[in-house]
Amino acid sequence: MTQDPTQDPLVTFDGVAKRFGSYTAVQKMDLQIHQGEFLAIMGSSGCGKTTTLRMLAGLEAPSEGVIRLSGKPINDLPSWSRDTPMVWQSLALFPFLSVIENVEFALKMRGMGRAERRARAEQWLDRMGIAEFADRNISQLSGGQRQRVALARSLVVEPQILLLDEPLSALDAALKVRMQSVLKTLQRETGITFVYVTHSQSEAFSMADRVVIMSRGKIEQIGTPQEIYRAPRTSFVADFLGSSNIFPGQLTRDGQGQPIIATPSGDFALPAGNTLGIAGQSASLTVLDTRMQIHLQPPGDARNSVAARMIGEEFVGATATIYFETEDGREIRVQKAHEDLADLSLAIGKPFHLSWSPADGHLVSE
């Protein structure tokens, strides 16, 4: 989705914080969510992502700050008046109602006539590919079918915004991938704003227009999946994503006055224009695992390099991830296509040299 900078945001968190007694679940937060975007909020357990979603849904009241929907404060608006339906991790379907009765329920609560709500529910069941199950009991459905019923029940009211709290967590891996495609297609076709909470990087990065990464109740970084993947802002983000090798150290200069970072694994040249601060400042150099090269001998060109021994390997489809350990005990991972490894005679315990171009490094703050 291309955002219009002249358009007012659909949702605004203005200095919003949430405390439970002495525990701060969400630190003071400023966040804008735009009309028609797919926003994913991700982080480990306890980071504040679900509390943020619950405050938007009206299930928790902010301890301070203001939440606005379409420019209007909604702090004191009850959940049933917000037009912010939620798809729960547990789905929360009614076992005593049939599939179509579950989908009709919200329309019935809004006073819509039986014929009209039945017609709209049938349309959404057809759109979700489960019209044939309309009269079945919820207990007779598979996990994926129940997921589609929960989505239909929330979308049948045609809201401005849909909240989703880890809705795919109970599904098997293959079904998760199919449902990710369903969700992204639905969001694009309807233009409804989706706010999706997850701990899964693959879910967030495959579906979202923007991703919010949270830690200990605060936002660490907001950006497109590509921006966050290629340029993590902090060591936490780089470590959380797990796709970068991280070399913590201090900024300094070499004998020729060129900026470098001195780390326990070695002194490394920095990417051009990315010096971050002054000499003596603590920082970390990150390098994506896909940008690392493996050599049998020290590379002869002007690359950053480090000696390491192989300690493990993992094969997934067409790619392999090879794990190494440096002399100072740092683990490094390298991801390559199988054909790129054919001439290396990989073996556990074997010594290698790993290298990368300075241009492929990215400097982050601690």
Protein backbone atom coordinates (compact mmCIF):
# COMPACT_ATOMS: atom_id res chain seq x y z
CA MET A 1 0.00 0.00 0.00
CA THR A 2 1.28 3.49 -0.91
CA GLN A 3 0.56 5.93 1.89
CA ASP A 4 -0.72 9.41 1.14
CA PRO A 5 1.24 11.82 3.37
CA THR A 6 -1.60 14.37 3.11
CA GLN A 7 -4.17 11.92 4.47
CA ASP A 8 -4.90 11.93 8.18
CA PRO A 9 -4.13 8.61 9.90
CA LEU A 10 -7.02 6.29 10.72
CA VAL A 11 -5.61 5.52 14.19
CA THR A 12 -3.31 7.62 16.37
CA PHE A 13 -1.64 6.61 19.63
CA ASP A 14 -0.58 9.90 21.22
CA GLY A 15 1.66 9.38 24.24
CA VAL A 16 -0.22 6.21 25.19
CA ALA A 17 1.05 4.11 28.10
CA LYS A 18 -0.44 1.21 30.05
CA ARG A 19 0.45 0.21 33.59
CA PHE A 20 -0.81 -2.65 35.73
CA GLY A 21 0.03 -1.55 39.25
CA SER A 22 3.80 -0.99 39.36
CA TYR A 23 4.35 -2.91 36.09
CA THR A 24 4.52 -0.90 32.87
CA ALA A 25 3.22 -3.07 30.01
CA VAL A 26 3.42 -0.33 27.36
CA GLN A 27 5.73 2.64 27.69
CA LYS A 28 4.75 6.04 26.31
CA MET A 29 3.92 5.30 22.69
CA ASP A 30 3.37 7.44 19.59
CA LEU A 31 2.05 5.47 16.63
CA GLN A 32 0.01 6.20 13.52
CA ILE A 33 -1.92 3.57 11.56
CA HIS A 34 -3.05 4.53 8.08
CA GLN A 35 -6.27 3.80 6.23
CA GLY A 36 -6.00 0.66 4.11
CA GLU A 37 -2.65 -0.59 5.38
CA PHE A 38 -1.68 -3.97 6.78
CA LEU A 39 0.27 -3.25 9.96
CA ALA A 40 1.94 -6.05 11.92
CA ILE A 41 3.05 -5.62 15.53
CA MET A 42 5.61 -8.20 16.55
CA GLY A 43 7.86 -9.04 19.45
CA SER A 44 8.54 -11.72 22.02
CA SER A 45 6.11 -12.63 24.81
CA GLY A 46 5.58 -9.79 27.26
CA CYS A 47 6.74 -7.02 24.90
CA GLY A 48 3.38 -5.19 25.02
CA LYS A 49 2.03 -6.01 21.57
CA THR A 50 -1.21 -7.66 22.71
CA THR A 51 -1.81 -4.97 25.34
CA THR A 52 -1.49 -2.38 22.56
CA LEU A 53 -4.08 -4.24 20.50
CA ARG A 54 -6.42 -4.60 23.49
CA MET A 55 -6.25 -0.85 24.15
CA LEU A 56 -7.25 -0.19 20.55
CA ALA A 57 -10.10 -2.70 20.88
CA GLY A 58 -11.35 -1.07 24.08
CA LEU A 59 -10.59 -4.08 26.26
CA GLU A 60 -7.97 -2.16 28.26
CA ALA A 61 -7.98 1.54 29.14
CA PRO A 62 -4.77 3.54 28.65
CA SER A 63 -3.12 4.73 31.85
CA GLU A 64 -2.16 7.93 30.04
CA GLY A 65 -2.31 9.39 26.55
CA VAL A 66 -5.04 9.44 23.92
CA ILE A 67 -6.08 6.93 21.26
CA ARG A 68 -7.90 8.46 18.29
CA LEU A 69 -9.93 6.69 15.62
CA SER A 70 -10.70 8.83 12.54
CA GLY A 71 -9.53 11.83 14.54
CA LYS A 72 -11.89 11.28 17.48
CA PRO A 73 -10.70 10.26 20.97
CA ILE A 74 -11.96 6.76 21.87
CA ASN A 75 -10.44 6.25 25.33
CA ASP A 76 -13.86 6.30 26.97
CA LEU A 77 -15.73 4.57 24.16
CA PRO A 78 -16.81 1.01 25.06
CA SER A 79 -15.50 -1.81 22.89
CA TRP A 80 -18.90 -2.56 21.32
CA SER A 81 -19.14 1.02 20.03
CA ARG A 82 -15.74 1.25 18.37
CA ASP A 83 -16.22 -0.71 15.14
CA THR A 84 -12.92 -2.52 15.84
CA PRO A 85 -13.76 -6.25 15.68
CA MET A 86 -11.06 -8.71 16.72
CA VAL A 87 -10.12 -12.18 15.53
CA TRP A 88 -8.79 -13.98 18.60
CA GLN A 89 -6.06 -16.57 18.87
CA SER A 90 -8.70 -18.96 20.25
CA LEU A 91 -11.17 -17.80 17.54
CA ALA A 92 -13.94 -17.59 20.23
CA LEU A 93 -16.62 -19.09 17.99
CA PHE A 94 -19.96 -20.03 19.53
CA PRO A 95 -20.17 -23.85 19.68
CA PHE A 96 -23.96 -23.82 20.10
CA LEU A 97 -24.51 -21.92 16.84
CA SER A 98 -24.14 -23.15 13.28
CA VAL A 99 -21.52 -21.69 10.95
CA ILE A 100 -23.90 -19.21 9.35
CA GLU A 101 -25.41 -18.27 12.72
CA ASN A 102 -21.91 -17.46 13.99
CA VAL A 103 -21.35 -15.17 11.01
CA GLU A 104 -24.76 -13.53 11.42
CA PHE A 105 -24.31 -12.88 15.14
CA ALA A 106 -22.74 -9.39 15.00
CA LEU A 107 -25.33 -8.26 12.45
CA LYS A 108 -28.11 -9.53 14.69
CA MET A 109 -26.68 -7.55 17.62
CA ARG A 110 -26.80 -4.46 15.42
CA GLY A 111 -30.50 -4.96 14.76
CA MET A 112 -30.26 -5.99 11.11
CA GLY A 113 -33.29 -7.87 9.78
CA ARG A 114 -33.11 -11.63 9.37
CA ALA A 115 -33.30 -11.72 5.55
CA GLU A 116 -30.66 -9.03 5.08
CA ARG A 117 -28.22 -10.49 7.59
CA ARG A 118 -28.67 -14.01 6.17
CA ALA A 119 -27.91 -12.73 2.66
CA ARG A 120 -24.80 -10.87 3.79
CA ALA A 121 -23.56 -13.84 5.83
CA GLU A 122 -24.01 -16.12 2.81
CA GLN A 123 -22.00 -13.69 0.68
CA TRP A 124 -19.10 -13.78 3.13
CA LEU A 125 -19.18 -17.55 3.53
CA ASP A 126 -19.02 -17.82 -0.25
CA ARG A 127 -16.16 -15.32 -0.37
CA MET A 128 -14.26 -17.35 2.22
CA GLY A 129 -14.87 -20.58 0.26
CA ILE A 130 -16.92 -22.27 3.00
CA ALA A 131 -20.52 -21.72 1.83
CA GLU A 132 -21.07 -25.49 1.74
CA PHE A 133 -20.53 -25.65 5.53
CA ALA A 134 -23.16 -23.01 6.39
CA ASP A 135 -25.41 -25.35 8.37
CA ARG A 136 -22.66 -27.35 10.07
CA ASN A 137 -21.80 -27.20 13.74
CA ILE A 138 -18.47 -25.54 14.56
CA SER A 139 -17.17 -28.82 16.04
CA GLN A 140 -17.48 -30.45 12.61
CA LEU A 141 -14.96 -28.08 10.99
CA SER A 142 -11.21 -28.31 10.55
CA GLY A 143 -8.87 -25.70 12.03
CA GLY A 144 -8.55 -23.85 8.73
CA GLN A 145 -12.32 -23.83 8.20
CA ARG A 146 -12.90 -22.44 11.69
CA GLN A 147 -10.35 -19.75 10.95
CA ARG A 148 -12.33 -18.70 7.88
CA VAL A 149 -15.56 -18.62 9.89
CA ALA A 150 -13.92 -16.31 12.46
CA LEU A 151 -12.73 -14.01 9.68
CA ALA A 152 -16.15 -13.98 8.02
CA ARG A 153 -17.83 -13.18 11.35
CA SER A 154 -15.57 -10.16 11.85
CA LEU A 155 -15.62 -8.90 8.26
CA VAL A 156 -19.36 -9.28 7.69
CA VAL A 157 -19.92 -5.97 9.52
CA GLU A 158 -17.55 -4.31 7.01
CA PRO A 159 -15.47 -2.44 9.61
CA GLN A 160 -12.89 0.25 8.94
CA ILE A 161 -10.30 -1.74 10.84
CA LEU A 162 -9.84 -5.39 11.81
CA LEU A 163 -7.70 -6.48 14.77
CA LEU A 164 -6.05 -9.90 14.71
CA ASP A 165 -4.34 -11.41 17.78
CA GLU A 166 -2.03 -14.25 16.63
CA PRO A 167 -4.91 -15.87 14.70
CA LEU A 168 -2.73 -18.48 12.94
CA SER A 169 -0.77 -19.76 15.93
CA ALA A 170 -2.79 -22.98 16.32
CA LEU A 171 -2.50 -24.02 12.65
CA ASP A 172 0.06 -26.39 11.16
CA ALA A 173 2.86 -24.95 9.00
CA ALA A 174 1.32 -25.68 5.59
CA LEU A 175 -2.08 -24.29 6.58
CA LYS A 176 -0.46 -21.17 8.02
CA VAL A 177 1.09 -20.38 4.65
CA ARG A 178 -2.26 -20.81 2.87
CA MET A 179 -4.06 -18.64 5.42
CA GLN A 180 -1.41 -15.92 5.09
CA SER A 181 -2.28 -15.73 1.40
CA VAL A 182 -6.00 -15.61 2.23
CA LEU A 183 -5.52 -12.80 4.74
CA LYS A 184 -3.36 -10.65 2.46
CA THR A 185 -5.73 -11.12 -0.48
CA LEU A 186 -8.73 -10.20 1.68
CA GLN A 187 -7.01 -7.09 2.99
CA ARG A 188 -6.11 -5.89 -0.50
CA GLU A 189 -9.54 -6.59 -1.95
CA THR A 190 -11.52 -4.98 0.86
CA GLY A 191 -9.21 -2.06 1.67
CA ILE A 192 -9.90 -2.65 5.37
CA THR A 193 -7.05 -1.71 7.69
CA PHE A 194 -5.60 -4.82 9.34
CA VAL A 195 -3.65 -4.61 12.62
CA TYR A 196 -2.03 -7.99 13.17
CA VAL A 197 -0.21 -9.06 16.33
CA THR A 198 2.27 -11.92 16.03
CA HIS A 199 5.58 -13.25 17.34
CA SER A 200 6.30 -14.80 13.91
CA GLN A 201 8.67 -12.96 11.61
CA SER A 202 7.57 -14.99 8.58
CA GLU A 203 3.92 -14.02 9.12
CA ALA A 204 4.65 -10.33 9.65
CA PHE A 205 7.15 -9.96 6.82
CA SER A 206 5.11 -11.89 4.25
CA MET A 207 1.86 -9.96 4.77
CA ALA A 208 2.45 -6.52 6.28
CA ASP A 209 3.00 -3.19 4.57
CA ARG A 210 4.71 -1.95 7.75
CA VAL A 211 6.03 -3.77 10.80
CA VAL A 212 6.29 -2.48 14.37
CA ILE A 213 8.86 -4.29 16.50
CA MET A 214 8.37 -3.95 20.26
CA SER A 215 10.53 -4.85 23.26
CA ARG A 216 9.79 -4.33 26.97
CA GLY A 217 6.79 -2.16 26.25
CA LYS A 218 8.41 0.23 23.78
CA ILE A 219 8.68 0.49 20.01
CA GLU A 220 12.17 -0.42 18.80
CA GLN A 221 11.60 0.18 15.09
CA ILE A 222 8.84 0.84 12.56
CA GLY A 223 9.30 0.32 8.82
CA THR A 224 8.58 -1.82 5.81
CA PRO A 225 9.74 -5.44 6.05
CA GLN A 226 12.53 -4.63 3.58
CA GLU A 227 13.74 -1.63 5.60
CA ILE A 228 13.84 -3.53 8.86
CA TYR A 229 15.45 -6.62 7.35
CA ARG A 230 18.18 -4.71 5.55
CA ALA A 231 18.77 -1.95 8.09
CA PRO A 232 17.88 -2.87 11.68
CA ARG A 233 18.10 0.21 13.88
CA THR A 234 19.38 -1.42 17.08
CA SER A 235 21.23 -4.54 18.20
CA PHE A 236 17.98 -5.79 19.71
CA VAL A 237 16.17 -5.66 16.36
CA ALA A 238 19.05 -7.35 14.54
CA ASP A 239 19.23 -10.09 17.17
CA PHE A 240 15.44 -10.52 17.29
CA LEU A 241 15.19 -11.03 13.53
CA GLY A 242 17.96 -13.63 13.67
CA SER A 243 19.10 -13.05 10.08
CA SER A 244 22.15 -10.94 10.89
CA ASN A 245 25.52 -11.77 12.37
CA ILE A 246 26.33 -9.23 15.07
CA PHE A 247 29.81 -7.99 16.03
CA PRO A 248 29.68 -5.68 19.08
CA GLY A 249 32.62 -3.32 19.56
CA GLN A 250 33.82 0.28 19.66
CA LEU A 251 34.20 2.83 16.88
CA THR A 252 37.77 3.90 16.22
CA ARG A 253 40.17 4.59 13.32
CA ASP A 254 42.94 2.56 11.76
CA GLY A 255 46.53 3.71 11.08
CA GLN A 256 45.41 5.53 7.93
CA GLY A 257 42.67 7.38 9.80
CA GLN A 258 39.85 5.34 8.28
CA PRO A 259 36.87 4.59 10.53
CA ILE A 260 36.66 1.00 11.75
CA ILE A 261 34.95 -0.95 14.48
CA ALA A 262 37.20 -2.84 16.89
CA THR A 263 35.56 -6.09 18.06
CA PRO A 264 36.76 -9.20 19.90
CA SER A 265 36.57 -11.02 16.56
CA GLY A 266 38.75 -8.46 14.74
CA ASP A 267 38.88 -4.91 13.40
CA PHE A 268 36.47 -4.36 10.53
CA ALA A 269 36.05 -1.61 7.94
CA LEU A 270 32.73 0.19 8.08
CA PRO A 271 30.25 0.76 5.28
CA ALA A 272 30.82 4.11 3.58
CA GLY A 273 28.96 6.96 5.26
CA ASN A 274 27.78 4.80 8.16
CA THR A 275 29.98 5.84 11.06
CA LEU A 276 27.06 6.44 13.45
CA GLY A 277 29.04 8.52 15.93
CA ILE A 278 32.40 9.46 17.37
CA ALA A 279 35.47 7.38 18.16
CA GLY A 280 35.09 5.42 21.39
CA GLN A 281 31.34 5.01 21.03
CA SER A 282 29.95 1.50 21.53
CA ALA A 283 28.16 0.07 18.50
CA SER A 284 27.61 -3.18 16.64
CA LEU A 285 28.29 -4.18 13.07
CA THR A 286 25.61 -6.41 11.55
CA VAL A 287 25.97 -8.51 8.40
CA LEU A 288 23.13 -10.50 6.85
CA ASP A 289 23.78 -14.24 6.76
CA THR A 290 23.12 -14.22 3.00
CA ARG A 291 25.96 -11.73 2.40
CA MET A 292 28.70 -13.78 4.07
CA GLN A 293 31.20 -15.68 1.90
CA ILE A 294 33.03 -18.93 2.83
CA HIS A 295 36.68 -19.50 1.85
CA LEU A 296 39.17 -22.30 2.32
CA GLN A 297 42.01 -19.73 2.49
CA PRO A 298 42.12 -16.08 3.68
CA PRO A 299 40.58 -13.89 0.96
CA GLY A 300 43.10 -11.76 -0.93
CA ASP A 301 40.84 -8.81 -1.74
CA ALA A 302 39.86 -5.85 0.43
CA ARG A 303 37.21 -7.64 2.45
CA ASN A 304 36.47 -7.96 6.11
CA SER A 305 37.29 -11.50 7.17
CA VAL A 306 37.47 -13.73 10.22
CA ALA A 307 38.76 -17.24 10.84
CA ALA A 308 36.21 -19.75 12.16
CA ARG A 309 35.56 -23.45 12.39
CA MET A 310 32.38 -25.14 11.25
CA ILE A 311 30.14 -26.36 14.09
CA GLY A 312 26.88 -27.32 12.37
CA GLU A 313 24.61 -27.23 9.34
CA GLU A 314 20.90 -27.07 8.64
CA PHE A 315 19.17 -27.82 5.34
CA VAL A 316 15.83 -26.25 4.42
CA GLY A 317 14.65 -26.72 0.85
CA ALA A 318 17.07 -25.27 -1.68
CA THR A 319 19.21 -23.49 0.90
CA ALA A 320 21.58 -24.50 3.66
CA THR A 321 22.54 -22.61 6.81
CA ILE A 322 26.09 -23.31 7.98
CA TYR A 323 27.12 -22.44 11.54
CA PHE A 324 30.65 -21.40 12.49
CA GLU A 325 32.44 -20.38 15.68
CA THR A 326 35.23 -17.80 15.84
CA GLU A 327 38.24 -18.01 18.14
CA ASP A 328 36.58 -15.63 20.59
CA GLY A 329 33.51 -17.90 20.77
CA ARG A 330 31.13 -15.89 18.55
CA GLU A 331 28.68 -17.92 16.47
CA ILE A 332 28.32 -16.92 12.82
CA ARG A 333 25.72 -18.26 10.42
CA VAL A 334 25.98 -18.27 6.64
CA GLN A 335 23.07 -19.06 4.34
CA LYS A 336 23.80 -20.32 0.82
CA ALA A 337 22.26 -22.27 -2.03
CA HIS A 338 23.44 -25.89 -2.12
CA GLU A 339 25.35 -25.39 -5.39
CA ASP A 340 27.45 -22.62 -3.80
CA LEU A 341 28.79 -25.10 -1.23
CA ALA A 342 29.73 -27.96 -3.54
CA ASP A 343 33.50 -27.24 -3.71
CA LEU A 344 34.05 -26.50 -0.02
CA SER A 345 34.00 -30.06 1.38
CA LEU A 346 32.15 -28.94 4.48
CA ALA A 347 32.85 -30.88 7.68
CA ILE A 348 32.24 -30.29 11.37
CA GLY A 349 35.39 -28.93 13.02
CA LYS A 350 37.02 -27.91 9.73
CA PRO A 351 38.60 -24.42 9.66
CA PHE A 352 37.38 -21.82 7.17
CA HIS A 353 37.61 -18.09 6.54
CA LEU A 354 34.44 -16.02 6.38
CA SER A 355 34.30 -12.65 4.66
CA TRP A 356 31.99 -9.86 3.55
CA SER A 357 32.27 -6.61 1.68
CA PRO A 358 32.34 -3.51 3.92
CA ALA A 359 29.39 -2.26 1.87
CA ASP A 360 27.31 -5.22 3.13
CA GLY A 361 27.79 -4.27 6.78
CA HIS A 362 25.30 -2.16 8.71
CA LEU A 363 26.17 -0.25 11.87
CA VAL A 364 23.64 -0.12 14.70
CA SER A 365 23.52 1.44 18.15
CA GLU A 366 23.60 -0.68 21.28
